N, C-alpha and C. Protein backbone atom coordinates (compact mmCIF):
# COMPACT_ATOMS: atom_id res chain seq x y z
N MET A 1 -7.59 4.65 -9.32
CA MET A 1 -6.67 5.68 -8.91
C MET A 1 -5.61 5.84 -10.00
N ASP A 2 -5.14 7.06 -10.16
CA ASP A 2 -4.05 7.32 -11.08
C ASP A 2 -2.91 8.00 -10.33
N LEU A 3 -1.80 8.22 -11.01
CA LEU A 3 -0.63 8.79 -10.36
C LEU A 3 -0.90 10.19 -9.80
N ALA A 4 -1.64 11.00 -10.53
CA ALA A 4 -1.94 12.36 -10.06
C ALA A 4 -2.70 12.33 -8.74
N LEU A 5 -3.68 11.47 -8.63
CA LEU A 5 -4.46 11.36 -7.38
C LEU A 5 -3.59 10.81 -6.26
N PHE A 6 -2.80 9.78 -6.55
CA PHE A 6 -1.90 9.23 -5.54
C PHE A 6 -0.96 10.31 -5.01
N LYS A 7 -0.36 11.09 -5.91
CA LYS A 7 0.54 12.17 -5.48
C LYS A 7 -0.19 13.20 -4.61
N LYS A 8 -1.37 13.59 -5.04
CA LYS A 8 -2.15 14.58 -4.28
C LYS A 8 -2.39 14.09 -2.86
N ILE A 9 -2.81 12.85 -2.74
CA ILE A 9 -3.12 12.29 -1.42
C ILE A 9 -1.85 12.14 -0.59
N ILE A 10 -0.83 11.53 -1.15
CA ILE A 10 0.36 11.21 -0.36
C ILE A 10 1.12 12.47 0.05
N TYR A 11 1.21 13.46 -0.84
CA TYR A 11 1.87 14.71 -0.47
C TYR A 11 1.05 15.48 0.56
N GLY A 12 -0.26 15.51 0.37
CA GLY A 12 -1.13 16.20 1.32
C GLY A 12 -1.07 15.59 2.71
N ALA A 13 -1.14 14.28 2.78
CA ALA A 13 -1.11 13.59 4.07
C ALA A 13 0.25 13.68 4.74
N SER A 14 1.31 13.49 3.97
CA SER A 14 2.65 13.49 4.58
C SER A 14 3.02 14.87 5.12
N ASN A 15 2.58 15.93 4.46
CA ASN A 15 2.84 17.27 4.96
C ASN A 15 2.22 17.51 6.34
N GLN A 16 1.08 16.90 6.58
CA GLN A 16 0.38 17.09 7.86
C GLN A 16 1.06 16.40 9.02
N VAL A 17 1.86 15.39 8.74
CA VAL A 17 2.55 14.67 9.82
C VAL A 17 4.07 14.84 9.76
N ASP A 18 4.51 15.82 8.98
CA ASP A 18 5.93 16.18 8.88
C ASP A 18 6.80 15.03 8.36
N PHE A 19 6.30 14.32 7.35
CA PHE A 19 7.06 13.30 6.65
C PHE A 19 7.43 13.84 5.28
N ASP A 20 8.57 13.44 4.77
CA ASP A 20 9.01 13.81 3.43
C ASP A 20 8.83 12.63 2.49
N ILE A 21 8.45 12.93 1.25
CA ILE A 21 8.37 11.92 0.21
C ILE A 21 9.74 11.88 -0.47
N ILE A 22 10.37 10.72 -0.45
CA ILE A 22 11.69 10.56 -1.03
C ILE A 22 11.62 10.17 -2.51
N LYS A 23 10.67 9.29 -2.83
CA LYS A 23 10.60 8.74 -4.18
C LYS A 23 9.21 8.15 -4.39
N LEU A 24 8.75 8.15 -5.64
CA LEU A 24 7.46 7.54 -6.00
C LEU A 24 7.68 6.52 -7.11
N LEU A 25 6.87 5.46 -7.10
CA LEU A 25 6.90 4.44 -8.14
C LEU A 25 5.47 4.21 -8.61
N GLU A 26 5.29 4.27 -9.92
CA GLU A 26 3.98 4.01 -10.50
C GLU A 26 3.91 2.55 -10.93
N PRO A 27 2.76 1.90 -10.75
CA PRO A 27 2.66 0.50 -11.17
C PRO A 27 2.80 0.34 -12.67
N GLU A 28 3.39 -0.79 -13.03
CA GLU A 28 3.45 -1.18 -14.43
C GLU A 28 2.81 -2.55 -14.49
N VAL A 29 3.36 -3.46 -15.27
CA VAL A 29 2.83 -4.82 -15.26
C VAL A 29 3.05 -5.40 -13.86
N THR A 30 4.26 -5.24 -13.35
CA THR A 30 4.55 -5.60 -11.96
C THR A 30 5.42 -4.50 -11.37
N PRO A 31 5.25 -4.13 -10.13
CA PRO A 31 4.20 -4.54 -9.23
C PRO A 31 2.85 -3.92 -9.62
N ASN A 32 1.82 -4.33 -8.93
CA ASN A 32 0.48 -3.86 -9.27
C ASN A 32 0.02 -2.71 -8.38
N PHE A 33 0.95 -1.96 -7.79
CA PHE A 33 0.57 -0.91 -6.84
C PHE A 33 1.54 0.27 -6.91
N TYR A 34 1.07 1.40 -6.42
CA TYR A 34 1.89 2.60 -6.28
C TYR A 34 2.72 2.48 -5.01
N VAL A 35 3.90 3.09 -5.02
CA VAL A 35 4.78 3.07 -3.85
C VAL A 35 5.28 4.49 -3.60
N ALA A 36 5.26 4.91 -2.35
CA ALA A 36 5.88 6.18 -1.95
C ALA A 36 6.83 5.88 -0.79
N TRP A 37 8.09 6.25 -0.96
CA TRP A 37 9.08 6.12 0.11
C TRP A 37 8.93 7.34 1.00
N ILE A 38 8.74 7.12 2.30
CA ILE A 38 8.46 8.17 3.28
C ILE A 38 9.59 8.22 4.29
N LYS A 39 9.95 9.43 4.67
CA LYS A 39 10.96 9.58 5.72
C LYS A 39 10.54 10.70 6.66
N GLY A 40 10.63 10.40 7.94
CA GLY A 40 10.36 11.39 8.97
C GLY A 40 11.50 11.38 9.96
N ARG A 41 11.38 12.19 10.97
CA ARG A 41 12.44 12.27 11.98
C ARG A 41 12.71 10.91 12.62
N ASP A 42 11.67 10.17 12.93
CA ASP A 42 11.82 8.88 13.62
C ASP A 42 11.28 7.70 12.81
N ALA A 43 11.02 7.90 11.54
CA ALA A 43 10.40 6.82 10.76
C ALA A 43 10.88 6.85 9.31
N LYS A 44 10.98 5.66 8.75
CA LYS A 44 11.26 5.49 7.33
C LYS A 44 10.52 4.23 6.89
N PHE A 45 9.64 4.38 5.90
CA PHE A 45 8.84 3.25 5.46
C PHE A 45 8.26 3.56 4.09
N VAL A 46 7.48 2.64 3.55
CA VAL A 46 6.82 2.88 2.27
C VAL A 46 5.31 2.82 2.43
N VAL A 47 4.64 3.61 1.61
CA VAL A 47 3.19 3.60 1.53
C VAL A 47 2.84 2.92 0.21
N LEU A 48 1.90 2.00 0.26
CA LEU A 48 1.47 1.25 -0.92
C LEU A 48 -0.01 1.54 -1.18
N ALA A 49 -0.37 1.70 -2.44
CA ALA A 49 -1.78 1.91 -2.80
C ALA A 49 -2.05 1.20 -4.12
N SER A 50 -3.13 0.44 -4.15
CA SER A 50 -3.49 -0.29 -5.37
C SER A 50 -4.45 0.55 -6.22
N HIS A 51 -4.63 0.14 -7.46
CA HIS A 51 -5.61 0.80 -8.33
C HIS A 51 -7.01 0.70 -7.73
N ASN A 52 -7.23 -0.31 -6.91
CA ASN A 52 -8.54 -0.54 -6.31
C ASN A 52 -8.71 0.16 -4.96
N ASN A 53 -7.77 1.05 -4.64
CA ASN A 53 -7.82 1.86 -3.43
C ASN A 53 -7.58 1.06 -2.15
N ASP A 54 -6.80 0.01 -2.23
CA ASP A 54 -6.32 -0.69 -1.04
C ASP A 54 -5.02 0.01 -0.65
N TRP A 55 -4.88 0.36 0.62
CA TRP A 55 -3.70 1.09 1.11
C TRP A 55 -3.04 0.31 2.23
N SER A 56 -1.72 0.39 2.31
CA SER A 56 -0.98 -0.25 3.39
C SER A 56 0.36 0.43 3.57
N PHE A 57 1.05 0.05 4.63
CA PHE A 57 2.40 0.51 4.91
C PHE A 57 3.31 -0.71 5.04
N ALA A 58 4.55 -0.58 4.58
CA ALA A 58 5.53 -1.66 4.72
C ALA A 58 6.85 -1.07 5.19
N ALA A 59 7.60 -1.89 5.92
CA ALA A 59 8.88 -1.42 6.47
C ALA A 59 9.83 -1.02 5.36
N GLU A 60 9.88 -1.81 4.29
CA GLU A 60 10.75 -1.54 3.14
C GLU A 60 10.07 -2.05 1.89
N TYR A 61 10.60 -1.65 0.77
CA TYR A 61 10.12 -2.16 -0.51
C TYR A 61 11.12 -3.20 -0.99
N GLU A 62 10.77 -4.44 -0.83
CA GLU A 62 11.61 -5.57 -1.26
C GLU A 62 10.87 -6.31 -2.37
N TRP A 63 11.59 -6.63 -3.43
CA TRP A 63 10.98 -7.33 -4.56
C TRP A 63 10.30 -8.62 -4.09
N CYS A 64 9.01 -8.71 -4.31
CA CYS A 64 8.18 -9.88 -3.99
C CYS A 64 8.11 -10.21 -2.51
N GLN A 65 8.48 -9.28 -1.67
CA GLN A 65 8.41 -9.54 -0.23
C GLN A 65 8.13 -8.22 0.48
N LEU A 66 7.01 -8.15 1.19
CA LEU A 66 6.65 -6.95 1.92
C LEU A 66 6.43 -7.29 3.38
N ASP A 67 7.05 -6.53 4.25
CA ASP A 67 6.87 -6.66 5.69
C ASP A 67 5.93 -5.53 6.12
N PHE A 68 4.63 -5.85 6.21
CA PHE A 68 3.63 -4.83 6.52
C PHE A 68 3.80 -4.32 7.94
N ILE A 69 3.54 -3.03 8.11
CA ILE A 69 3.64 -2.38 9.42
C ILE A 69 2.42 -1.48 9.62
N ASN A 70 2.27 -0.99 10.82
CA ASN A 70 1.25 0.00 11.14
C ASN A 70 1.93 1.34 11.39
N ASN A 71 1.26 2.41 11.04
CA ASN A 71 1.70 3.76 11.39
C ASN A 71 0.42 4.54 11.68
N SER A 72 0.06 4.59 12.94
CA SER A 72 -1.22 5.18 13.33
C SER A 72 -1.30 6.66 12.99
N LYS A 73 -0.19 7.35 13.03
CA LYS A 73 -0.17 8.80 12.76
C LYS A 73 -0.59 9.10 11.32
N LEU A 74 0.06 8.47 10.35
CA LEU A 74 -0.28 8.70 8.95
C LEU A 74 -1.63 8.07 8.60
N ALA A 75 -1.93 6.92 9.17
CA ALA A 75 -3.22 6.27 8.91
C ALA A 75 -4.38 7.16 9.34
N ALA A 76 -4.23 7.84 10.48
CA ALA A 76 -5.29 8.73 10.96
C ALA A 76 -5.51 9.90 10.01
N VAL A 77 -4.43 10.47 9.49
CA VAL A 77 -4.56 11.58 8.54
C VAL A 77 -5.22 11.11 7.25
N LEU A 78 -4.81 9.96 6.74
CA LEU A 78 -5.42 9.44 5.51
C LEU A 78 -6.92 9.19 5.70
N LEU A 79 -7.30 8.70 6.86
CA LEU A 79 -8.72 8.45 7.13
C LEU A 79 -9.48 9.77 7.31
N ASN A 80 -8.97 10.65 8.15
CA ASN A 80 -9.69 11.89 8.46
C ASN A 80 -9.73 12.88 7.30
N GLN A 81 -8.67 12.99 6.54
CA GLN A 81 -8.60 13.98 5.47
C GLN A 81 -9.07 13.46 4.11
N PHE A 82 -8.90 12.15 3.88
CA PHE A 82 -9.19 11.61 2.55
C PHE A 82 -10.16 10.42 2.56
N GLY A 83 -10.62 10.00 3.74
CA GLY A 83 -11.56 8.88 3.83
C GLY A 83 -10.95 7.55 3.46
N ILE A 84 -9.62 7.43 3.59
CA ILE A 84 -8.91 6.21 3.21
C ILE A 84 -8.64 5.35 4.44
N HIS A 85 -9.13 4.12 4.40
CA HIS A 85 -8.82 3.15 5.47
C HIS A 85 -7.55 2.41 5.06
N VAL A 86 -6.50 2.59 5.86
CA VAL A 86 -5.26 1.85 5.61
C VAL A 86 -5.39 0.50 6.29
N LEU A 87 -5.17 -0.56 5.53
CA LEU A 87 -5.24 -1.90 6.09
C LEU A 87 -4.11 -2.08 7.11
N THR A 88 -4.41 -2.68 8.23
CA THR A 88 -3.42 -2.89 9.28
C THR A 88 -2.54 -4.10 8.97
N LYS A 89 -1.44 -4.15 9.67
CA LYS A 89 -0.54 -5.31 9.56
C LYS A 89 -1.30 -6.60 9.84
N GLU A 90 -2.15 -6.56 10.84
CA GLU A 90 -2.92 -7.75 11.23
C GLU A 90 -3.89 -8.16 10.12
N GLU A 91 -4.57 -7.20 9.50
CA GLU A 91 -5.48 -7.51 8.41
C GLU A 91 -4.72 -8.10 7.21
N LEU A 92 -3.58 -7.50 6.89
CA LEU A 92 -2.81 -7.92 5.73
C LEU A 92 -2.13 -9.27 5.91
N ASN A 93 -1.80 -9.62 7.13
CA ASN A 93 -1.16 -10.91 7.41
C ASN A 93 -2.18 -12.01 7.71
N ALA A 94 -3.46 -11.67 7.70
CA ALA A 94 -4.52 -12.66 7.92
C ALA A 94 -4.67 -13.52 6.66
N PRO A 95 -5.30 -14.68 6.80
CA PRO A 95 -5.49 -15.55 5.63
C PRO A 95 -6.19 -14.81 4.49
N PHE A 96 -5.83 -15.19 3.28
CA PHE A 96 -6.37 -14.55 2.08
C PHE A 96 -7.87 -14.75 1.98
N GLU A 97 -8.57 -13.67 1.66
CA GLU A 97 -9.99 -13.70 1.31
C GLU A 97 -10.12 -12.96 0.00
N THR A 98 -10.79 -13.57 -0.96
CA THR A 98 -10.87 -12.98 -2.29
C THR A 98 -11.65 -11.66 -2.27
N ARG A 99 -11.38 -10.86 -3.24
CA ARG A 99 -12.08 -9.59 -3.47
C ARG A 99 -12.63 -9.66 -4.89
N PRO A 100 -13.74 -8.99 -5.17
CA PRO A 100 -14.35 -9.08 -6.50
C PRO A 100 -13.43 -8.67 -7.64
N TYR A 101 -12.49 -7.81 -7.39
CA TYR A 101 -11.62 -7.31 -8.45
C TYR A 101 -10.34 -8.12 -8.63
N ILE A 102 -10.17 -9.20 -7.88
CA ILE A 102 -9.01 -10.07 -8.08
C ILE A 102 -9.43 -11.22 -8.98
N ASP A 103 -8.73 -11.39 -10.05
CA ASP A 103 -9.06 -12.41 -11.05
C ASP A 103 -8.97 -13.82 -10.46
N ASP A 104 -10.00 -14.61 -10.67
CA ASP A 104 -10.03 -16.00 -10.17
C ASP A 104 -8.86 -16.82 -10.70
N ALA A 105 -8.49 -16.59 -11.96
CA ALA A 105 -7.37 -17.35 -12.55
C ALA A 105 -6.06 -17.03 -11.81
N ASP A 106 -5.88 -15.77 -11.42
CA ASP A 106 -4.68 -15.40 -10.65
C ASP A 106 -4.68 -16.08 -9.29
N ILE A 107 -5.82 -16.13 -8.66
CA ILE A 107 -5.92 -16.78 -7.34
C ILE A 107 -5.56 -18.26 -7.46
N LYS A 108 -6.11 -18.92 -8.47
CA LYS A 108 -5.83 -20.35 -8.65
C LYS A 108 -4.36 -20.60 -8.98
N TYR A 109 -3.77 -19.72 -9.78
CA TYR A 109 -2.38 -19.92 -10.18
C TYR A 109 -1.39 -19.54 -9.07
N TRP A 110 -1.56 -18.35 -8.50
CA TRP A 110 -0.58 -17.83 -7.53
C TRP A 110 -0.82 -18.30 -6.10
N LYS A 111 -2.05 -18.67 -5.77
CA LYS A 111 -2.41 -19.21 -4.45
C LYS A 111 -1.90 -18.32 -3.29
N PRO A 112 -2.38 -17.09 -3.22
CA PRO A 112 -1.93 -16.21 -2.13
C PRO A 112 -2.35 -16.77 -0.78
N LYS A 113 -1.44 -16.68 0.18
CA LYS A 113 -1.72 -17.20 1.52
C LYS A 113 -2.31 -16.13 2.43
N THR A 114 -1.93 -14.86 2.20
CA THR A 114 -2.41 -13.77 3.05
C THR A 114 -3.13 -12.72 2.19
N LEU A 115 -3.93 -11.90 2.85
CA LEU A 115 -4.61 -10.83 2.14
C LEU A 115 -3.59 -9.88 1.51
N GLY A 116 -2.53 -9.55 2.24
CA GLY A 116 -1.51 -8.66 1.72
C GLY A 116 -0.86 -9.19 0.46
N GLU A 117 -0.60 -10.48 0.44
CA GLU A 117 0.00 -11.12 -0.73
C GLU A 117 -0.94 -11.05 -1.93
N GLY A 118 -2.22 -11.17 -1.69
CA GLY A 118 -3.20 -11.10 -2.77
C GLY A 118 -3.43 -9.70 -3.31
N LEU A 119 -3.35 -8.69 -2.42
CA LEU A 119 -3.62 -7.32 -2.84
C LEU A 119 -2.40 -6.60 -3.41
N PHE A 120 -1.21 -6.87 -2.86
CA PHE A 120 0.01 -6.17 -3.25
C PHE A 120 1.00 -7.20 -3.76
N ASN A 121 1.10 -7.32 -5.08
CA ASN A 121 1.87 -8.43 -5.63
C ASN A 121 2.61 -8.04 -6.91
N TRP A 122 3.41 -8.98 -7.36
CA TRP A 122 4.21 -8.84 -8.58
C TRP A 122 3.76 -9.85 -9.63
N TRP A 123 2.48 -10.24 -9.58
CA TRP A 123 1.97 -11.21 -10.55
C TRP A 123 1.96 -10.57 -11.93
N ASP A 124 2.23 -11.39 -12.94
CA ASP A 124 2.18 -10.85 -14.31
C ASP A 124 0.84 -11.14 -14.96
């Protein structure tokens, strides 16, 4: 995924559920994911997306600490309109299971405890 695709998806999805995009962050060395700050009438949270197309929602964007949340409204639009499965809070807080695109050396060094920690991180 690149920034242009992330913008296309996030703006398209947020318009359908009446959310505004406040700010976007593109990954650099750290963090390893895109971030979109979202605000709606009754909600304020961040959308996270990795280069490997892992998606999640978090209550806030805190350096090296993410409190994953669910938002069924936006998750449904991402799935129905773009075929994107947003990982749930429960999936992200479950014990870490490796993925083929996560470097074994990073796993051994950083020792992620949860799936969310392994997928959305500030590892260098």
